[in-house]
Amino acid sequence: MNVDTIREFCLAFPRTTENLQWGEDLCFKISGKIFAIVSLDNQRLCFKCTPESFAELVEREDIHPAPYVGRYKWVMLHRLDAVRWEELKELVRQSFEMVAAKAPGKRIRKESDVLKHGRQKKRKKRG
């Protein structure tokens, strides 16, 4: 996995934008809120986690609480291959969903996530 692979994956989420910030950090956002950051100069990755994932991940080698935002359950992978690609995709998807749930504007349609990321969710029937 490399920066281009991660970039392509992140940009496949609905309404995702990217922005180069703080020098060499490529930020992926939903409604202006960051859900993942790839550092281009040192090839690191940051993203938001659930409290359970955060506790488990920071016990691993090359994964630490992210500077400034670790208290909000963000982690930093000091190597892009610190976790397997399949696991990383799930972690980034969770980060996107957590940030999107609190982002201003319209709610993200779950059907869009299914189409672009292969995860199925049942729709609730109204009535």
C-alpha atoms as a PDB file:
ATOM      1  CA  MET A   1       0.000   0.000   0.000  1.00  0.00           C
ATOM      2  CA  ASN A   2       1.138   3.539  -0.699  1.00  0.00           C
ATOM      3  CA  VAL A   3      -0.111   7.122  -0.598  1.00  0.00           C
ATOM      4  CA  ASP A   4      -1.840   6.788  -3.984  1.00  0.00           C
ATOM      5  CA  THR A   5      -3.751   3.687  -2.863  1.00  0.00           C
ATOM      6  CA  ILE A   6      -4.906   5.390   0.340  1.00  0.00           C
ATOM      7  CA  ARG A   7      -5.811   8.558  -1.582  1.00  0.00           C
ATOM      8  CA  GLU A   8      -7.909   6.611  -4.096  1.00  0.00           C
ATOM      9  CA  PHE A   9      -9.703   4.758  -1.291  1.00  0.00           C
ATOM     10  CA  CYS A  10     -10.480   7.931   0.681  1.00  0.00           C
ATOM     11  CA  LEU A  11     -11.710   9.855  -2.359  1.00  0.00           C
ATOM     12  CA  ALA A  12     -14.193   7.073  -3.159  1.00  0.00           C
ATOM     13  CA  PHE A  13     -16.315   8.019  -0.128  1.00  0.00           C
ATOM     14  CA  PRO A  14     -19.289  10.262  -0.982  1.00  0.00           C
ATOM     15  CA  ARG A  15     -18.699  14.038  -0.854  1.00  0.00           C
ATOM     16  CA  THR A  16     -15.038  13.621   0.130  1.00  0.00           C
ATOM     17  CA  THR A  17     -12.627  16.414  -0.658  1.00  0.00           C
ATOM     18  CA  GLU A  18      -8.866  16.607  -0.277  1.00  0.00           C
ATOM     19  CA  ASN A  19      -6.719  19.518   0.732  1.00  0.00           C
ATOM     20  CA  LEU A  20      -2.969  19.972   1.231  1.00  0.00           C
ATOM     21  CA  GLN A  21      -2.475  21.544   4.664  1.00  0.00           C
ATOM     22  CA  TRP A  22       0.308  22.218   7.145  1.00  0.00           C
ATOM     23  CA  GLY A  23       3.024  21.837   4.541  1.00  0.00           C
ATOM     24  CA  GLU A  24       2.972  18.257   3.331  1.00  0.00           C
ATOM     25  CA  ASP A  25      -0.194  16.802   4.908  1.00  0.00           C
ATOM     26  CA  LEU A  26      -2.930  15.621   2.568  1.00  0.00           C
ATOM     27  CA  CYS A  27      -6.237  15.921   4.453  1.00  0.00           C
ATOM     28  CA  PHE A  28      -9.391  14.051   3.456  1.00  0.00           C
ATOM     29  CA  LYS A  29     -12.596  15.762   4.556  1.00  0.00           C
ATOM     30  CA  ILE A  30     -16.337  15.316   4.639  1.00  0.00           C
ATOM     31  CA  SER A  31     -18.280  18.600   4.915  1.00  0.00           C
ATOM     32  CA  GLY A  32     -15.077  20.378   5.903  1.00  0.00           C
ATOM     33  CA  LYS A  33     -14.266  17.926   8.729  1.00  0.00           C
ATOM     34  CA  ILE A  34     -11.103  15.813   8.490  1.00  0.00           C
ATOM     35  CA  PHE A  35     -11.427  12.029   8.683  1.00  0.00           C
ATOM     36  CA  ALA A  36      -7.918  11.027   7.517  1.00  0.00           C
ATOM     37  CA  ILE A  37      -4.525  12.673   7.036  1.00  0.00           C
ATOM     38  CA  VAL A  38      -1.608  11.317   5.028  1.00  0.00           C
ATOM     39  CA  SER A  39       1.751  12.942   5.607  1.00  0.00           C
ATOM     40  CA  LEU A  40       3.550  13.029   2.277  1.00  0.00           C
ATOM     41  CA  ASP A  41       7.026  13.791   3.583  1.00  0.00           C
ATOM     42  CA  ASN A  42       7.285  10.993   6.201  1.00  0.00           C
ATOM     43  CA  GLN A  43       4.567   8.667   4.827  1.00  0.00           C
ATOM     44  CA  ARG A  44       2.408   8.566   7.969  1.00  0.00           C
ATOM     45  CA  LEU A  45      -1.347   8.225   8.330  1.00  0.00           C
ATOM     46  CA  CYS A  46      -3.742   9.603  10.963  1.00  0.00           C
ATOM     47  CA  PHE A  47      -7.420   8.795  11.448  1.00  0.00           C
ATOM     48  CA  LYS A  48     -10.160   8.751  14.088  1.00  0.00           C
ATOM     49  CA  CYS A  49     -10.993   5.500  15.913  1.00  0.00           C
ATOM     50  CA  THR A  50     -13.611   4.095  18.192  1.00  0.00           C
ATOM     51  CA  PRO A  51     -12.449   3.993  21.826  1.00  0.00           C
ATOM     52  CA  GLU A  52     -12.075   0.207  21.577  1.00  0.00           C
ATOM     53  CA  SER A  53     -10.004   0.340  18.376  1.00  0.00           C
ATOM     54  CA  PHE A  54      -7.891   3.160  19.777  1.00  0.00           C
ATOM     55  CA  ALA A  55      -6.972   1.168  22.898  1.00  0.00           C
ATOM     56  CA  GLU A  56      -6.043  -1.874  20.816  1.00  0.00           C
ATOM     57  CA  LEU A  57      -4.135  -0.004  18.107  1.00  0.00           C
ATOM     58  CA  VAL A  58      -1.889   2.061  20.387  1.00  0.00           C
ATOM     59  CA  GLU A  59      -0.584  -1.192  21.868  1.00  0.00           C
ATOM     60  CA  ARG A  60       0.913  -2.110  18.491  1.00  0.00           C
ATOM     61  CA  GLU A  61       4.351  -1.246  17.213  1.00  0.00           C
ATOM     62  CA  ASP A  62       4.538   1.912  15.056  1.00  0.00           C
ATOM     63  CA  ILE A  63       1.081   3.168  16.117  1.00  0.00           C
ATOM     64  CA  HIS A  64       0.658   5.984  18.652  1.00  0.00           C
ATOM     65  CA  PRO A  65      -1.934   8.553  19.701  1.00  0.00           C
ATOM     66  CA  ALA A  66      -1.851  11.320  17.084  1.00  0.00           C
ATOM     67  CA  PRO A  67      -0.243  14.602  18.164  1.00  0.00           C
ATOM     68  CA  TYR A  68      -2.769  17.220  19.345  1.00  0.00           C
ATOM     69  CA  VAL A  69      -5.824  15.021  18.711  1.00  0.00           C
ATOM     70  CA  GLY A  70      -4.933  11.732  20.419  1.00  0.00           C
ATOM     71  CA  ARG A  71      -7.248  12.627  23.289  1.00  0.00           C
ATOM     72  CA  TYR A  72     -10.095  12.524  20.750  1.00  0.00           C
ATOM     73  CA  LYS A  73      -9.138   8.927  19.804  1.00  0.00           C
ATOM     74  CA  TRP A  74      -7.058   9.711  16.710  1.00  0.00           C
ATOM     75  CA  VAL A  75      -4.070   7.451  15.976  1.00  0.00           C
ATOM     76  CA  MET A  76      -0.936   7.946  13.905  1.00  0.00           C
ATOM     77  CA  LEU A  77       0.579   5.090  11.932  1.00  0.00           C
ATOM     78  CA  HIS A  78       4.287   5.813  11.655  1.00  0.00           C
ATOM     79  CA  ARG A  79       4.462   3.420   8.697  1.00  0.00           C
ATOM     80  CA  LEU A  80       1.732   2.951   6.098  1.00  0.00           C
ATOM     81  CA  ASP A  81       2.094  -0.816   6.462  1.00  0.00           C
ATOM     82  CA  ALA A  82       1.681  -0.824  10.266  1.00  0.00           C
ATOM     83  CA  VAL A  83      -1.647  -2.654   9.718  1.00  0.00           C
ATOM     84  CA  ARG A  84      -2.844  -4.935   6.930  1.00  0.00           C
ATOM     85  CA  TRP A  85      -4.570  -3.213   4.015  1.00  0.00           C
ATOM     86  CA  GLU A  86      -7.933  -4.913   4.621  1.00  0.00           C
ATOM     87  CA  GLU A  87      -7.913  -3.845   8.277  1.00  0.00           C
ATOM     88  CA  LEU A  88      -6.816  -0.329   7.372  1.00  0.00           C
ATOM     89  CA  LYS A  89      -9.681   0.067   4.898  1.00  0.00           C
ATOM     90  CA  GLU A  90     -12.166  -0.855   7.636  1.00  0.00           C
ATOM     91  CA  LEU A  91     -10.544   1.561  10.116  1.00  0.00           C
ATOM     92  CA  VAL A  92     -10.607   4.447   7.621  1.00  0.00           C
ATOM     93  CA  ARG A  93     -14.225   3.632   6.698  1.00  0.00           C
ATOM     94  CA  GLN A  94     -15.143   3.802  10.406  1.00  0.00           C
ATOM     95  CA  SER A  95     -13.327   7.130  10.713  1.00  0.00           C
ATOM     96  CA  PHE A  96     -15.276   8.497   7.746  1.00  0.00           C
ATOM     97  CA  GLU A  97     -18.596   7.321   9.203  1.00  0.00           C
ATOM     98  CA  MET A  98     -17.885   8.771  12.666  1.00  0.00           C
ATOM     99  CA  VAL A  99     -16.863  12.144  11.251  1.00  0.00           C
ATOM    100  CA  ALA A 100     -19.700  12.210   8.690  1.00  0.00           C
ATOM    101  CA  ALA A 101     -22.238  11.539  11.446  1.00  0.00           C
ATOM    102  CA  LYS A 102     -21.208  14.782  13.169  1.00  0.00           C
ATOM    103  CA  ALA A 103     -20.482  16.864  10.077  1.00  0.00           C
ATOM    104  CA  PRO A 104     -22.818  19.723   9.198  1.00  0.00           C
ATOM    105  CA  GLY A 105     -25.128  19.380   6.231  1.00  0.00           C
ATOM    106  CA  LYS A 106     -27.062  16.451   4.852  1.00  0.00           C
ATOM    107  CA  ARG A 107     -26.543  12.982   6.261  1.00  0.00           C
ATOM    108  CA  ILE A 108     -24.471  10.633   4.142  1.00  0.00           C
ATOM    109  CA  ARG A 109     -26.622   8.011   2.467  1.00  0.00           C
ATOM    110  CA  LYS A 110     -25.550   4.545   3.543  1.00  0.00           C
ATOM    111  CA  GLU A 111     -26.414   3.197   0.097  1.00  0.00           C
ATOM    112  CA  SER A 112     -23.556   5.264  -1.327  1.00  0.00           C
ATOM    113  CA  ASP A 113     -21.120   3.601   1.042  1.00  0.00           C
ATOM    114  CA  VAL A 114     -22.358   0.182  -0.068  1.00  0.00           C
ATOM    115  CA  LEU A 115     -21.817   0.972  -3.727  1.00  0.00           C
ATOM    116  CA  LYS A 116     -18.350   2.413  -3.304  1.00  0.00           C
ATOM    117  CA  HIS A 117     -16.951   0.279  -0.478  1.00  0.00           C
ATOM    118  CA  GLY A 118     -18.798  -3.019  -0.701  1.00  0.00           C
ATOM    119  CA  ARG A 119     -20.338  -3.029   2.759  1.00  0.00           C
ATOM    120  CA  GLN A 120     -24.024  -3.863   2.904  1.00  0.00           C
ATOM    121  CA  LYS A 121     -26.455  -2.463   5.417  1.00  0.00           C
ATOM    122  CA  LYS A 122     -30.157  -3.185   5.602  1.00  0.00           C
ATOM    123  CA  ARG A 123     -32.524  -0.263   5.246  1.00  0.00           C
ATOM    124  CA  LYS A 124     -35.117   0.205   7.948  1.00  0.00           C
ATOM    125  CA  LYS A 125     -38.704   0.107   6.768  1.00  0.00           C
ATOM    126  CA  ARG A 126     -40.783   3.084   7.657  1.00  0.00           C
ATOM    127  CA  GLY A 127     -44.351   2.784   8.538  1.00  0.00           C
END
